[in-house]
PDB file of N, CA and C in Angstrom:
ATOM      1  N   UNK A   1       3.197-124.104  34.083  1.00  0.00           N
ATOM      2  CA  UNK A   1       2.491-123.533  34.578  1.00  0.00           C
ATOM      3  C   UNK A   1       2.988-121.891  34.680  1.00  0.00           C
ATOM      4  N   UNK A   2       2.502-121.327  34.369  1.00  0.00           N
ATOM      5  CA  UNK A   2       2.828-119.652  34.023  1.00  0.00           C
ATOM      6  C   UNK A   2       1.929-119.347  35.594  1.00  0.00           C
ATOM      7  N   UNK A   3       3.383-118.601  36.066  1.00  0.00           N
ATOM      8  CA  UNK A   3       2.341-117.656  37.400  1.00  0.00           C
ATOM      9  C   UNK A   3       1.914-116.086  37.026  1.00  0.00           C
ATOM     10  N   UNK A   4       1.154-115.658  37.675  1.00  0.00           N
ATOM     11  CA  UNK A   4       0.858-114.702  37.616  1.00  0.00           C
ATOM     12  C   UNK A   4       1.444-113.201  38.570  1.00  0.00           C
ATOM     13  N   UNK A   5       1.362-112.143  38.134  1.00  0.00           N
ATOM     14  CA  UNK A   5       2.276-111.876  39.578  1.00  0.00           C
ATOM     15  C   UNK A   5       1.236-111.010  40.604  1.00  0.00           C
ATOM     16  N   UNK A   6       1.500-110.799  41.451  1.00  0.00           N
ATOM     17  CA  UNK A   6       0.917-110.394  42.510  1.00  0.00           C
ATOM     18  C   UNK A   6       0.218-109.091  42.537  1.00  0.00           C
ATOM     19  N   UNK A   7      -0.843-109.010  42.428  1.00  0.00           N
ATOM     20  CA  UNK A   7      -1.340-107.453  42.433  1.00  0.00           C
ATOM     21  C   UNK A   7      -2.320-107.328  43.205  1.00  0.00           C
ATOM     22  N   UNK A   8      -2.507-106.636  44.295  1.00  0.00           N
ATOM     23  CA  UNK A   8      -3.401-106.313  45.367  1.00  0.00           C
ATOM     24  C   UNK A   8      -4.622-105.449  44.053  1.00  0.00           C
ATOM     25  N   UNK A   9      -5.672-106.400  44.270  1.00  0.00           N
ATOM     26  CA  UNK A   9      -7.232-106.206  43.680  1.00  0.00           C
ATOM     27  C   UNK A   9      -7.790-104.860  43.008  1.00  0.00           C
ATOM     28  N   UNK A  10      -7.441-103.709  44.433  1.00  0.00           N
ATOM     29  CA  UNK A  10      -7.902-102.136  43.999  1.00  0.00           C
ATOM     30  C   UNK A  10      -6.912-101.737  42.780  1.00  0.00           C
ATOM     31  N   UNK A  11      -5.475-102.229  42.637  1.00  0.00           N
ATOM     32  CA  UNK A  11      -4.680-101.708  41.837  1.00  0.00           C
ATOM     33  C   UNK A  11      -4.763-102.355  40.183  1.00  0.00           C
ATOM     34  N   UNK A  12      -5.849-103.588  40.057  1.00  0.00           N
ATOM     35  CA  UNK A  12      -6.047-103.989  39.193  1.00  0.00           C
ATOM     36  C   UNK A  12      -6.943-102.780  38.009  1.00  0.00           C
ATOM     37  N   UNK A  13      -6.419-103.416  36.659  1.00  0.00           N
ATOM     38  CA  UNK A  13      -7.326-102.655  35.876  1.00  0.00           C
ATOM     39  C   UNK A  13      -7.456-103.355  34.732  1.00  0.00           C
ATOM     40  N   UNK A  14      -8.280-103.253  33.877  1.00  0.00           N
ATOM     41  CA  UNK A  14      -9.201-103.906  32.380  1.00  0.00           C
ATOM     42  C   UNK A  14      -7.950-104.151  31.361  1.00  0.00           C
ATOM     43  N   UNK A  15      -8.173-104.430  30.470  1.00  0.00           N
ATOM     44  CA  UNK A  15      -6.988-104.353  29.228  1.00  0.00           C
ATOM     45  C   UNK A  15      -7.105-102.997  28.784  1.00  0.00           C
ATOM     46  N   UNK A  16      -8.285-102.250  29.015  1.00  0.00           N
ATOM     47  CA  UNK A  16      -7.990-100.842  28.123  1.00  0.00           C
ATOM     48  C   UNK A  16      -8.030 -99.638  29.169  1.00  0.00           C
ATOM     49  N   UNK A  17      -7.556-100.146  30.508  1.00  0.00           N
ATOM     50  CA  UNK A  17      -6.986 -98.907  31.343  1.00  0.00           C
ATOM     51  C   UNK A  17      -8.104 -98.672  32.409  1.00  0.00           C
ATOM     52  N   UNK A  18      -9.464 -99.059  32.099  1.00  0.00           N
ATOM     53  CA  UNK A  18     -10.239 -98.072  32.747  1.00  0.00           C
ATOM     54  C   UNK A  18     -10.191 -99.104  34.008  1.00  0.00           C
ATOM     55  N   UNK A  19     -10.638 -98.146  35.335  1.00  0.00           N
ATOM     56  CA  UNK A  19     -11.044 -99.007  37.099  1.00  0.00           C
ATOM     57  C   UNK A  19     -11.516-100.100  36.809  1.00  0.00           C
ATOM     58  N   UNK A  20     -11.091-100.770  37.623  1.00  0.00           N
ATOM     59  CA  UNK A  20     -12.706-102.413  37.335  1.00  0.00           C
ATOM     60  C   UNK A  20     -13.564-101.346  38.603  1.00  0.00           C
ATOM     61  N   UNK A  21     -14.260-102.349  38.404  1.00  0.00           N
ATOM     62  CA  UNK A  21     -15.947-101.800  39.434  1.00  0.00           C
ATOM     63  C   UNK A  21     -15.794-101.488  41.121  1.00  0.00           C
ATOM     64  N   UNK A  22     -14.812-102.863  41.325  1.00  0.00           N
ATOM     65  CA  UNK A  22     -14.890-102.701  43.139  1.00  0.00           C
ATOM     66  C   UNK A  22     -13.672-100.909  43.156  1.00  0.00           C
ATOM     67  N   UNK A  23     -13.029-100.681  42.364  1.00  0.00           N
ATOM     68  CA  UNK A  23     -12.316 -99.617  42.757  1.00  0.00           C
ATOM     69  C   UNK A  23     -13.385 -98.662  42.593  1.00  0.00           C
ATOM     70  N   UNK A  24     -13.876 -98.248  41.456  1.00  0.00           N
ATOM     71  CA  UNK A  24     -14.937 -97.295  41.174  1.00  0.00           C
ATOM     72  C   UNK A  24     -16.058 -97.234  42.453  1.00  0.00           C
ATOM     73  N   UNK A  25     -16.188 -97.807  43.098  1.00  0.00           N
ATOM     74  CA  UNK A  25     -17.422 -98.108  44.321  1.00  0.00           C
ATOM     75  C   UNK A  25     -16.990 -97.618  45.573  1.00  0.00           C
ATOM     76  N   UNK A  26     -15.227 -97.811  45.175  1.00  0.00           N
ATOM     77  CA  UNK A  26     -15.098 -97.642  46.740  1.00  0.00           C
ATOM     78  C   UNK A  26     -14.904 -96.161  46.998  1.00  0.00           C
ATOM     79  N   UNK A  27     -14.135 -95.820  45.637  1.00  0.00           N
ATOM     80  CA  UNK A  27     -13.959 -94.263  45.473  1.00  0.00           C
ATOM     81  C   UNK A  27     -15.282 -93.701  45.491  1.00  0.00           C
ATOM     82  N   UNK A  28     -16.030 -93.870  44.864  1.00  0.00           N
ATOM     83  CA  UNK A  28     -17.662 -93.435  45.021  1.00  0.00           C
ATOM     84  C   UNK A  28     -18.058 -93.454  46.474  1.00  0.00           C
ATOM     85  N   UNK A  29     -17.965 -94.486  47.032  1.00  0.00           N
ATOM     86  CA  UNK A  29     -17.958 -93.953  48.659  1.00  0.00           C
ATOM     87  C   UNK A  29     -17.565 -93.252  49.757  1.00  0.00           C
ATOM     88  N   UNK A  30     -16.106 -93.311  49.066  1.00  0.00           N
ATOM     89  CA  UNK A  30     -15.641 -92.356  50.054  1.00  0.00           C
ATOM     90  C   UNK A  30     -15.689 -91.084  49.399  1.00  0.00           C
ATOM     91  N   UNK A  31     -16.166 -90.630  48.418  1.00  0.00           N
ATOM     92  CA  UNK A  31     -16.097 -89.809  48.018  1.00  0.00           C
ATOM     93  C   UNK A  31     -17.951 -88.710  48.726  1.00  0.00           C
ATOM     94  N   UNK A  32     -18.113 -89.801  48.260  1.00  0.00           N
ATOM     95  CA  UNK A  32     -19.929 -89.641  49.088  1.00  0.00           C
ATOM     96  C   UNK A  32     -20.019 -89.470  50.486  1.00  0.00           C
ATOM     97  N   UNK A  33     -19.266 -89.959  51.189  1.00  0.00           N
ATOM     98  CA  UNK A  33     -19.032 -90.021  52.740  1.00  0.00           C
ATOM     99  C   UNK A  33     -18.111 -88.691  53.233  1.00  0.00           C
ATOM    100  N   UNK A  34     -17.354 -88.359  51.928  1.00  0.00           N
ATOM    101  CA  UNK A  34     -16.314 -86.751  52.151  1.00  0.00           C
ATOM    102  C   UNK A  34     -17.656 -85.875  52.288  1.00  0.00           C
ATOM    103  N   UNK A  35     -18.521 -85.756  51.245  1.00  0.00           N
ATOM    104  CA  UNK A  35     -19.570 -84.613  50.924  1.00  0.00           C
ATOM    105  C   UNK A  35     -20.776 -84.745  51.820  1.00  0.00           C
ATOM    106  N   UNK A  36     -20.995 -85.913  52.208  1.00  0.00           N
ATOM    107  CA  UNK A  36     -21.619 -85.655  53.352  1.00  0.00           C
ATOM    108  C   UNK A  36     -21.643 -85.079  54.592  1.00  0.00           C
ATOM    109  N   UNK A  37     -19.986 -85.708  55.198  1.00  0.00           N
ATOM    110  CA  UNK A  37     -19.332 -85.056  55.967  1.00  0.00           C
ATOM    111  C   UNK A  37     -19.346 -83.317  56.324  1.00  0.00           C
ATOM    112  N   UNK A  38     -19.111 -83.009  55.142  1.00  0.00           N
ATOM    113  CA  UNK A  38     -19.202 -82.237  54.790  1.00  0.00           C
ATOM    114  C   UNK A  38     -20.416 -81.117  55.233  1.00  0.00           C
ATOM    115  N   UNK A  39     -21.382 -81.656  54.566  1.00  0.00           N
ATOM    116  CA  UNK A  39     -22.599 -81.070  54.138  1.00  0.00           C
ATOM    117  C   UNK A  39     -22.850 -80.993  56.118  1.00  0.00           C
ATOM    118  N   UNK A  40     -22.725 -82.103  56.729  1.00  0.00           N
ATOM    119  CA  UNK A  40     -23.259 -81.906  57.997  1.00  0.00           C
ATOM    120  C   UNK A  40     -22.236 -81.375  58.741  1.00  0.00           C
ATOM    121  N   UNK A  41     -21.185 -80.844  58.515  1.00  0.00           N
ATOM    122  CA  UNK A  41     -20.058 -80.045  59.048  1.00  0.00           C
ATOM    123  C   UNK A  41     -21.024 -78.249  59.174  1.00  0.00           C
ATOM    124  N   UNK A  42     -21.529 -78.087  57.418  1.00  0.00           N
ATOM    125  CA  UNK A  42     -21.889 -77.007  57.170  1.00  0.00           C
ATOM    126  C   UNK A  42     -23.248 -76.406  58.178  1.00  0.00           C
ATOM    127  N   UNK A  43     -24.159 -77.688  58.425  1.00  0.00           N
ATOM    128  CA  UNK A  43     -25.539 -77.849  59.022  1.00  0.00           C
ATOM    129  C   UNK A  43     -25.490 -77.390  60.387  1.00  0.00           C
ATOM    130  N   UNK A  44     -24.579 -78.058  60.799  1.00  0.00           N
ATOM    131  CA  UNK A  44     -24.018 -78.201  62.536  1.00  0.00           C
ATOM    132  C   UNK A  44     -23.631 -76.837  62.809  1.00  0.00           C
ATOM    133  N   UNK A  45     -22.842 -75.637  61.603  1.00  0.00           N
ATOM    134  CA  UNK A  45     -22.025 -74.680  62.201  1.00  0.00           C
ATOM    135  C   UNK A  45     -23.392 -73.847  61.880  1.00  0.00           C
ATOM    136  N   UNK A  46     -24.205 -73.917  61.069  1.00  0.00           N
ATOM    137  CA  UNK A  46     -25.140 -72.747  60.973  1.00  0.00           C
ATOM    138  C   UNK A  46     -26.125 -72.757  62.050  1.00  0.00           C
ATOM    139  N   UNK A  47     -27.111 -74.068  62.621  1.00  0.00           N
ATOM    140  CA  UNK A  47     -27.200 -74.228  63.470  1.00  0.00           C
ATOM    141  C   UNK A  47     -26.589 -73.652  65.378  1.00  0.00           C
ATOM    142  N   UNK A  48     -25.565 -73.822  65.050  1.00  0.00           N
ATOM    143  CA  UNK A  48     -24.915 -73.273  66.351  1.00  0.00           C
ATOM    144  C   UNK A  48     -24.410 -71.953  66.466  1.00  0.00           C
ATOM    145  N   UNK A  49     -24.355 -71.556  65.093  1.00  0.00           N
ATOM    146  CA  UNK A  49     -24.439 -69.905  65.242  1.00  0.00           C
ATOM    147  C   UNK A  49     -25.522 -69.183  65.530  1.00  0.00           C
ATOM    148  N   UNK A  50     -26.506 -69.696  64.554  1.00  0.00           N
ATOM    149  CA  UNK A  50     -27.834 -69.677  64.803  1.00  0.00           C
ATOM    150  C   UNK A  50     -28.405 -69.062  66.380  1.00  0.00           C
ATOM    151  N   UNK A  51     -28.180 -70.727  66.851  1.00  0.00           N
ATOM    152  CA  UNK A  51     -28.596 -70.361  68.271  1.00  0.00           C
ATOM    153  C   UNK A  51     -27.644 -69.675  69.422  1.00  0.00           C
ATOM    154  N   UNK A  52     -26.723 -69.328  68.834  1.00  0.00           N
ATOM    155  CA  UNK A  52     -25.371 -68.124  69.561  1.00  0.00           C
ATOM    156  C   UNK A  52     -26.508 -66.413  69.447  1.00  0.00           C
ATOM    157  N   UNK A  53     -26.507 -66.736  68.152  1.00  0.00           N
ATOM    158  CA  UNK A  53     -27.272 -65.510  67.694  1.00  0.00           C
ATOM    159  C   UNK A  53     -28.354 -64.942  68.770  1.00  0.00           C
ATOM    160  N   UNK A  54     -29.580 -66.092  68.854  1.00  0.00           N
ATOM    161  CA  UNK A  54     -30.638 -65.884  69.565  1.00  0.00           C
ATOM    162  C   UNK A  54     -30.437 -65.616  71.147  1.00  0.00           C
ATOM    163  N   UNK A  55     -29.270 -66.379  71.501  1.00  0.00           N
ATOM    164  CA  UNK A  55     -28.892 -66.438  73.015  1.00  0.00           C
ATOM    165  C   UNK A  55     -28.251 -65.073  73.233  1.00  0.00           C
ATOM    166  N   UNK A  56     -27.857 -64.503  72.613  1.00  0.00           N
ATOM    167  CA  UNK A  56     -26.964 -63.431  72.630  1.00  0.00           C
ATOM    168  C   UNK A  56     -28.065 -61.832  72.620  1.00  0.00           C
ATOM    169  N   UNK A  57     -28.948 -62.178  71.999  1.00  0.00           N
ATOM    170  CA  UNK A  57     -30.473 -61.322  71.527  1.00  0.00           C
ATOM    171  C   UNK A  57     -31.062 -61.218  73.212  1.00  0.00           C
ATOM    172  N   UNK A  58     -31.502 -62.243  73.231  1.00  0.00           N
ATOM    173  CA  UNK A  58     -31.975 -62.553  74.703  1.00  0.00           C
ATOM    174  C   UNK A  58     -31.476 -61.907  75.462  1.00  0.00           C
ATOM    175  N   UNK A  59     -30.004 -62.329  75.760  1.00  0.00           N
ATOM    176  CA  UNK A  59     -29.896 -61.293  77.008  1.00  0.00           C
ATOM    177  C   UNK A  59     -29.563 -60.073  76.931  1.00  0.00           C
ATOM    178  N   UNK A  60     -29.275 -58.964  75.624  1.00  0.00           N
ATOM    179  CA  UNK A  60     -29.263 -58.006  75.697  1.00  0.00           C
ATOM    180  C   UNK A  60     -31.028 -57.556  75.997  1.00  0.00           C
ATOM    181  N   UNK A  61     -31.749 -58.567  75.625  1.00  0.00           N
ATOM    182  CA  UNK A  61     -33.090 -58.013  75.782  1.00  0.00           C
ATOM    183  C   UNK A  61     -33.297 -57.772  77.677  1.00  0.00           C
ATOM    184  N   UNK A  62     -32.771 -59.067  78.219  1.00  0.00           N
ATOM    185  CA  UNK A  62     -32.786 -58.878  79.554  1.00  0.00           C
ATOM    186  C   UNK A  62     -32.463 -57.642  79.903  1.00  0.00           C
ATOM    187  N   UNK A  63     -31.057 -57.539  79.533  1.00  0.00           N
ATOM    188  CA  UNK A  63     -29.887 -56.241  80.015  1.00  0.00           C
ATOM    189  C   UNK A  63     -30.825 -55.494  80.059  1.00  0.00           C
ATOM    190  N   UNK A  64     -31.480 -55.271  78.882  1.00  0.00           N
ATOM    191  CA  UNK A  64     -32.745 -53.796  78.663  1.00  0.00           C
ATOM    192  C   UNK A  64     -33.906 -53.815  80.035  1.00  0.00           C
ATOM    193  N   UNK A  65     -34.280 -55.008  79.693  1.00  0.00           N
ATOM    194  CA  UNK A  65     -35.306 -54.638  80.237  1.00  0.00           C
ATOM    195  C   UNK A  65     -35.270 -54.859  82.049  1.00  0.00           C
ATOM    196  N   UNK A  66     -33.978 -55.114  82.493  1.00  0.00           N
ATOM    197  CA  UNK A  66     -33.470 -54.656  83.930  1.00  0.00           C
ATOM    198  C   UNK A  66     -33.149 -53.553  83.881  1.00  0.00           C
ATOM    199  N   UNK A  67     -32.506 -53.122  83.159  1.00  0.00           N
ATOM    200  CA  UNK A  67     -32.091 -51.470  83.085  1.00  0.00           C
ATOM    201  C   UNK A  67     -33.222 -50.565  82.847  1.00  0.00           C
ATOM    202  N   UNK A  68     -33.948 -50.658  82.080  1.00  0.00           N
ATOM    203  CA  UNK A  68     -35.461 -50.132  82.502  1.00  0.00           C
ATOM    204  C   UNK A  68     -36.126 -50.071  83.798  1.00  0.00           C
ATOM    205  N   UNK A  69     -36.077 -51.126  83.940  1.00  0.00           N
ATOM    206  CA  UNK A  69     -36.681 -51.466  85.700  1.00  0.00           C
ATOM    207  C   UNK A  69     -36.045 -50.260  86.706  1.00  0.00           C
ATOM    208  N   UNK A  70     -34.570 -50.388  86.654  1.00  0.00           N
ATOM    209  CA  UNK A  70     -34.064 -49.792  87.616  1.00  0.00           C
ATOM    210  C   UNK A  70     -34.398 -48.186  87.206  1.00  0.00           C
ATOM    211  N   UNK A  71     -34.555 -47.684  86.161  1.00  0.00           N
ATOM    212  CA  UNK A  71     -34.515 -46.684  85.851  1.00  0.00           C
ATOM    213  C   UNK A  71     -36.346 -45.845  85.745  1.00  0.00           C
ATOM    214  N   UNK A  72     -37.055 -46.716  86.057  1.00  0.00           N
ATOM    215  CA  UNK A  72     -39.046 -46.566  86.073  1.00  0.00           C
ATOM    216  C   UNK A  72     -38.779 -46.513  87.999  1.00  0.00           C
ATOM    217  N   UNK A  73     -37.675 -47.043  88.481  1.00  0.00           N
ATOM    218  CA  UNK A  73     -37.801 -46.790  90.022  1.00  0.00           C
ATOM    219  C   UNK A  73     -37.859 -45.434  90.877  1.00  0.00           C
ATOM    220  N   UNK A  74     -37.173 -44.493  89.738  1.00  0.00           N
ATOM    221  CA  UNK A  74     -36.884 -43.085  89.803  1.00  0.00           C
ATOM    222  C   UNK A  74     -38.385 -42.180  89.850  1.00  0.00           C
ATOM    223  N   UNK A  75     -38.775 -43.213  89.049  1.00  0.00           N
ATOM    224  CA  UNK A  75     -39.950 -42.338  87.929  1.00  0.00           C
ATOM    225  C   UNK A  75     -40.676 -42.936  87.118  1.00  0.00           C
ATOM    226  N   UNK A  76     -42.049 -42.938  86.626  1.00  0.00           N
ATOM    227  CA  UNK A  76     -42.688 -43.890  85.885  1.00  0.00           C
ATOM    228  C   UNK A  76     -42.377 -43.721  84.529  1.00  0.00           C
ATOM    229  N   UNK A  77     -42.112 -42.215  84.027  1.00  0.00           N
ATOM    230  CA  UNK A  77     -41.890 -42.469  82.971  1.00  0.00           C
ATOM    231  C   UNK A  77     -40.562 -41.395  82.324  1.00  0.00           C
ATOM    232  N   UNK A  78     -40.069 -41.381  81.017  1.00  0.00           N
ATOM    233  CA  UNK A  78     -39.295 -40.951  80.660  1.00  0.00           C
ATOM    234  C   UNK A  78     -39.863 -40.021  79.891  1.00  0.00           C
ATOM    235  N   UNK A  79     -39.360 -38.350  80.596  1.00  0.00           N
ATOM    236  CA  UNK A  79     -39.855 -37.295  79.681  1.00  0.00           C
ATOM    237  C   UNK A  79     -38.413 -36.566  79.251  1.00  0.00           C
ATOM    238  N   UNK A  80     -38.820 -35.723  78.500  1.00  0.00           N
ATOM    239  CA  UNK A  80     -37.378 -34.640  77.893  1.00  0.00           C
ATOM    240  C   UNK A  80     -38.326 -33.120  78.154  1.00  0.00           C
ATOM    241  N   UNK A  81     -37.633 -33.065  79.227  1.00  0.00           N
ATOM    242  CA  UNK A  81     -38.083 -31.382  80.278  1.00  0.00           C
ATOM    243  C   UNK A  81     -37.121 -30.405  79.735  1.00  0.00           C
ATOM    244  N   UNK A  82     -37.688 -29.446  78.980  1.00  0.00           N
ATOM    245  CA  UNK A  82     -36.104 -27.775  79.309  1.00  0.00           C
ATOM    246  C   UNK A  82     -34.372 -28.694  78.123  1.00  0.00           C
ATOM    247  N   UNK A  83     -35.039 -29.901  76.943  1.00  0.00           N
ATOM    248  CA  UNK A  83     -34.154 -30.198  76.920  1.00  0.00           C
ATOM    249  C   UNK A  83     -33.190 -30.892  77.292  1.00  0.00           C
ATOM    250  N   UNK A  84     -33.791 -31.835  78.737  1.00  0.00           N
ATOM    251  CA  UNK A  84     -33.024 -32.754  79.132  1.00  0.00           C
ATOM    252  C   UNK A  84     -33.844 -33.888  79.558  1.00  0.00           C
ATOM    253  N   UNK A  85     -32.938 -35.193  79.485  1.00  0.00           N
ATOM    254  CA  UNK A  85     -34.116 -36.171  80.016  1.00  0.00           C
ATOM    255  C   UNK A  85     -34.137 -36.080  81.372  1.00  0.00           C
ATOM    256  N   UNK A  86     -35.421 -36.631  81.713  1.00  0.00           N
ATOM    257  CA  UNK A  86     -35.651 -36.570  83.124  1.00  0.00           C
ATOM    258  C   UNK A  86     -36.759 -38.227  83.240  1.00  0.00           C
ATOM    259  N   UNK A  87     -36.084 -38.737  84.262  1.00  0.00           N
ATOM    260  CA  UNK A  87     -37.216 -39.812  84.976  1.00  0.00           C
ATOM    261  C   UNK A  87     -37.482 -39.329  86.478  1.00  0.00           C
ATOM    262  N   UNK A  88     -39.357 -39.038  86.360  1.00  0.00           N
ATOM    263  CA  UNK A  88     -39.899 -38.671  87.140  1.00  0.00           C
ATOM    264  C   UNK A  88     -39.453 -37.080  87.292  1.00  0.00           C
ATOM    265  N   UNK A  89     -39.086 -36.388  88.778  1.00  0.00           N
ATOM    266  CA  UNK A  89     -38.927 -35.386  88.346  1.00  0.00           C
ATOM    267  C   UNK A  89     -37.076 -35.057  88.621  1.00  0.00           C
ATOM    268  N   UNK A  90     -36.345 -36.396  88.452  1.00  0.00           N
ATOM    269  CA  UNK A  90     -34.975 -36.503  88.244  1.00  0.00           C
ATOM    270  C   UNK A  90     -34.230 -36.245  86.875  1.00  0.00           C
ATOM    271  N   UNK A  91     -33.394 -35.350  86.249  1.00  0.00           N
ATOM    272  CA  UNK A  91     -32.730 -35.326  85.746  1.00  0.00           C
ATOM    273  C   UNK A  91     -31.566 -36.270  85.318  1.00  0.00           C
ATOM    274  N   UNK A  92     -31.749 -36.931  84.214  1.00  0.00           N
ATOM    275  CA  UNK A  92     -30.895 -38.344  83.938  1.00  0.00           C
ATOM    276  C   UNK A  92     -29.409 -38.220  84.273  1.00  0.00           C
ATOM    277  N   UNK A  93     -28.949 -36.417  84.515  1.00  0.00           N
ATOM    278  CA  UNK A  93     -27.588 -37.076  84.618  1.00  0.00           C
ATOM    279  C   UNK A  93     -27.427 -36.662  86.281  1.00  0.00           C
ATOM    280  N   UNK A  94     -28.675 -37.144  87.196  1.00  0.00           N
ATOM    281  CA  UNK A  94     -28.045 -37.210  88.485  1.00  0.00           C
ATOM    282  C   UNK A  94     -28.506 -38.598  88.538  1.00  0.00           C
ATOM    283  N   UNK A  95     -28.595 -39.414  87.636  1.00  0.00           N
ATOM    284  CA  UNK A  95     -28.636 -41.108  88.266  1.00  0.00           C
ATOM    285  C   UNK A  95     -27.456 -41.658  87.698  1.00  0.00           C
ATOM    286  N   UNK A  96     -26.499 -41.740  88.434  1.00  0.00           N
ATOM    287  CA  UNK A  96     -25.421 -42.099  87.822  1.00  0.00           C
ATOM    288  C   UNK A  96     -25.143 -43.175  88.419  1.00  0.00           C
ATOM    289  N   UNK A  97     -25.540 -44.127  89.725  1.00  0.00           N
ATOM    290  CA  UNK A  97     -25.849 -45.083  90.096  1.00  0.00           C
ATOM    291  C   UNK A  97     -26.575 -46.124  89.144  1.00  0.00           C
ATOM    292  N   UNK A  98     -27.241 -45.648  88.306  1.00  0.00           N
ATOM    293  CA  UNK A  98     -28.115 -46.574  87.360  1.00  0.00           C
ATOM    294  C   UNK A  98     -27.270 -47.678  86.503  1.00  0.00           C
ATOM    295  N   UNK A  99     -26.248 -47.061  86.177  1.00  0.00           N
ATOM    296  CA  UNK A  99     -25.628 -47.869  85.341  1.00  0.00           C
ATOM    297  C   UNK A  99     -24.439 -48.257  86.086  1.00  0.00           C
ATOM    298  N   UNK A 100     -23.924 -48.028  87.087  1.00  0.00           N
ATOM    299  CA  UNK A 100     -22.682 -49.042  88.240  1.00  0.00           C
ATOM    300  C   UNK A 100     -24.254 -50.207  88.459  1.00  0.00           C
ATOM    301  N   UNK A 101     -25.346 -49.616  88.946  1.00  0.00           N
ATOM    302  CA  UNK A 101     -25.966 -51.087  89.610  1.00  0.00           C
ATOM    303  C   UNK A 101     -26.260 -52.060  88.410  1.00  0.00           C
ATOM    304  N   UNK A 102     -26.458 -51.243  87.182  1.00  0.00           N
ATOM    305  CA  UNK A 102     -26.801 -52.475  86.325  1.00  0.00           C
ATOM    306  C   UNK A 102     -25.735 -53.451  86.019  1.00  0.00           C
ATOM    307  N   UNK A 103     -24.228 -52.648  86.042  1.00  0.00           N
ATOM    308  CA  UNK A 103     -23.551 -53.165  85.886  1.00  0.00           C
ATOM    309  C   UNK A 103     -22.977 -54.780  86.930  1.00  0.00           C
ATOM    310  N   UNK A 104     -23.605 -54.604  87.939  1.00  0.00           N
ATOM    311  CA  UNK A 104     -23.325 -55.354  88.894  1.00  0.00           C
ATOM    312  C   UNK A 104     -24.203 -56.200  89.221  1.00  0.00           C
ATOM    313  N   UNK A 105     -25.571 -55.922  89.000  1.00  0.00           N
ATOM    314  CA  UNK A 105     -26.427 -56.916  88.601  1.00  0.00           C
ATOM    315  C   UNK A 105     -26.791 -57.978  87.069  1.00  0.00           C
ATOM    316  N   UNK A 106     -26.399 -56.861  86.347  1.00  0.00           N
ATOM    317  CA  UNK A 106     -26.164 -58.250  84.975  1.00  0.00           C
ATOM    318  C   UNK A 106     -25.268 -58.053  84.098  1.00  0.00           C
ATOM    319  N   UNK A 107     -24.580 -57.973  84.690  1.00  0.00           N
ATOM    320  CA  UNK A 107     -22.871 -57.620  84.032  1.00  0.00           C
ATOM    321  C   UNK A 107     -22.674 -57.119  83.129  1.00  0.00           C
ATOM    322  N   UNK A 108     -23.481 -56.322  82.233  1.00  0.00           N
ATOM    323  CA  UNK A 108     -23.476 -55.290  81.599  1.00  0.00           C
ATOM    324  C   UNK A 108     -23.409 -54.030  81.440  1.00  0.00           C
ATOM    325  N   UNK A 109     -23.149 -53.167  80.253  1.00  0.00           N
ATOM    326  CA  UNK A 109     -22.847 -52.293  80.868  1.00  0.00           C
ATOM    327  C   UNK A 109     -24.100 -51.003  79.967  1.00  0.00           C
ATOM    328  N   UNK A 110     -23.854 -49.777  80.506  1.00  0.00           N
ATOM    329  CA  UNK A 110     -25.327 -49.085  80.394  1.00  0.00           C
ATOM    330  C   UNK A 110     -24.420 -47.216  80.421  1.00  0.00           C
ATOM    331  N   UNK A 111     -25.018 -46.679  79.830  1.00  0.00           N
ATOM    332  CA  UNK A 111     -24.637 -45.175  79.983  1.00  0.00           C
ATOM    333  C   UNK A 111     -26.029 -44.368  79.492  1.00  0.00           C
ATOM    334  N   UNK A 112     -25.970 -43.147  80.416  1.00  0.00           N
ATOM    335  CA  UNK A 112     -27.332 -42.559  80.693  1.00  0.00           C
ATOM    336  C   UNK A 112     -27.380 -41.585  79.438  1.00  0.00           C
ATOM    337  N   UNK A 113     -27.253 -41.173  78.619  1.00  0.00           N
ATOM    338  CA  UNK A 113     -27.291 -39.688  78.103  1.00  0.00           C
ATOM    339  C   UNK A 113     -27.894 -38.938  77.981  1.00  0.00           C
TER     340      UNK A 113
END
């Protein structure tokens, strides 16, 4: 009786050197799993980035609305009068407390030019 050498199933090759179907199926499955994992990672990254961008723009919009509300407390309209921006009867240069109040309330920064 001739004994065959012990070889794992995955390492067996047919006589012409081509991988056996079990090894091919295993490699195909691992490759597919890797490709699917990469695709999911890309999609999740894009969705998170989009969500963070929307959230940042929403916060900018809120901070801008708060700033305009604080400025409108000093006058209903922003007008350029004699080359200077004014809110109501006050020139913008006299509204130095508004940026500080905005930073305290909304956490953002503002500059009135």
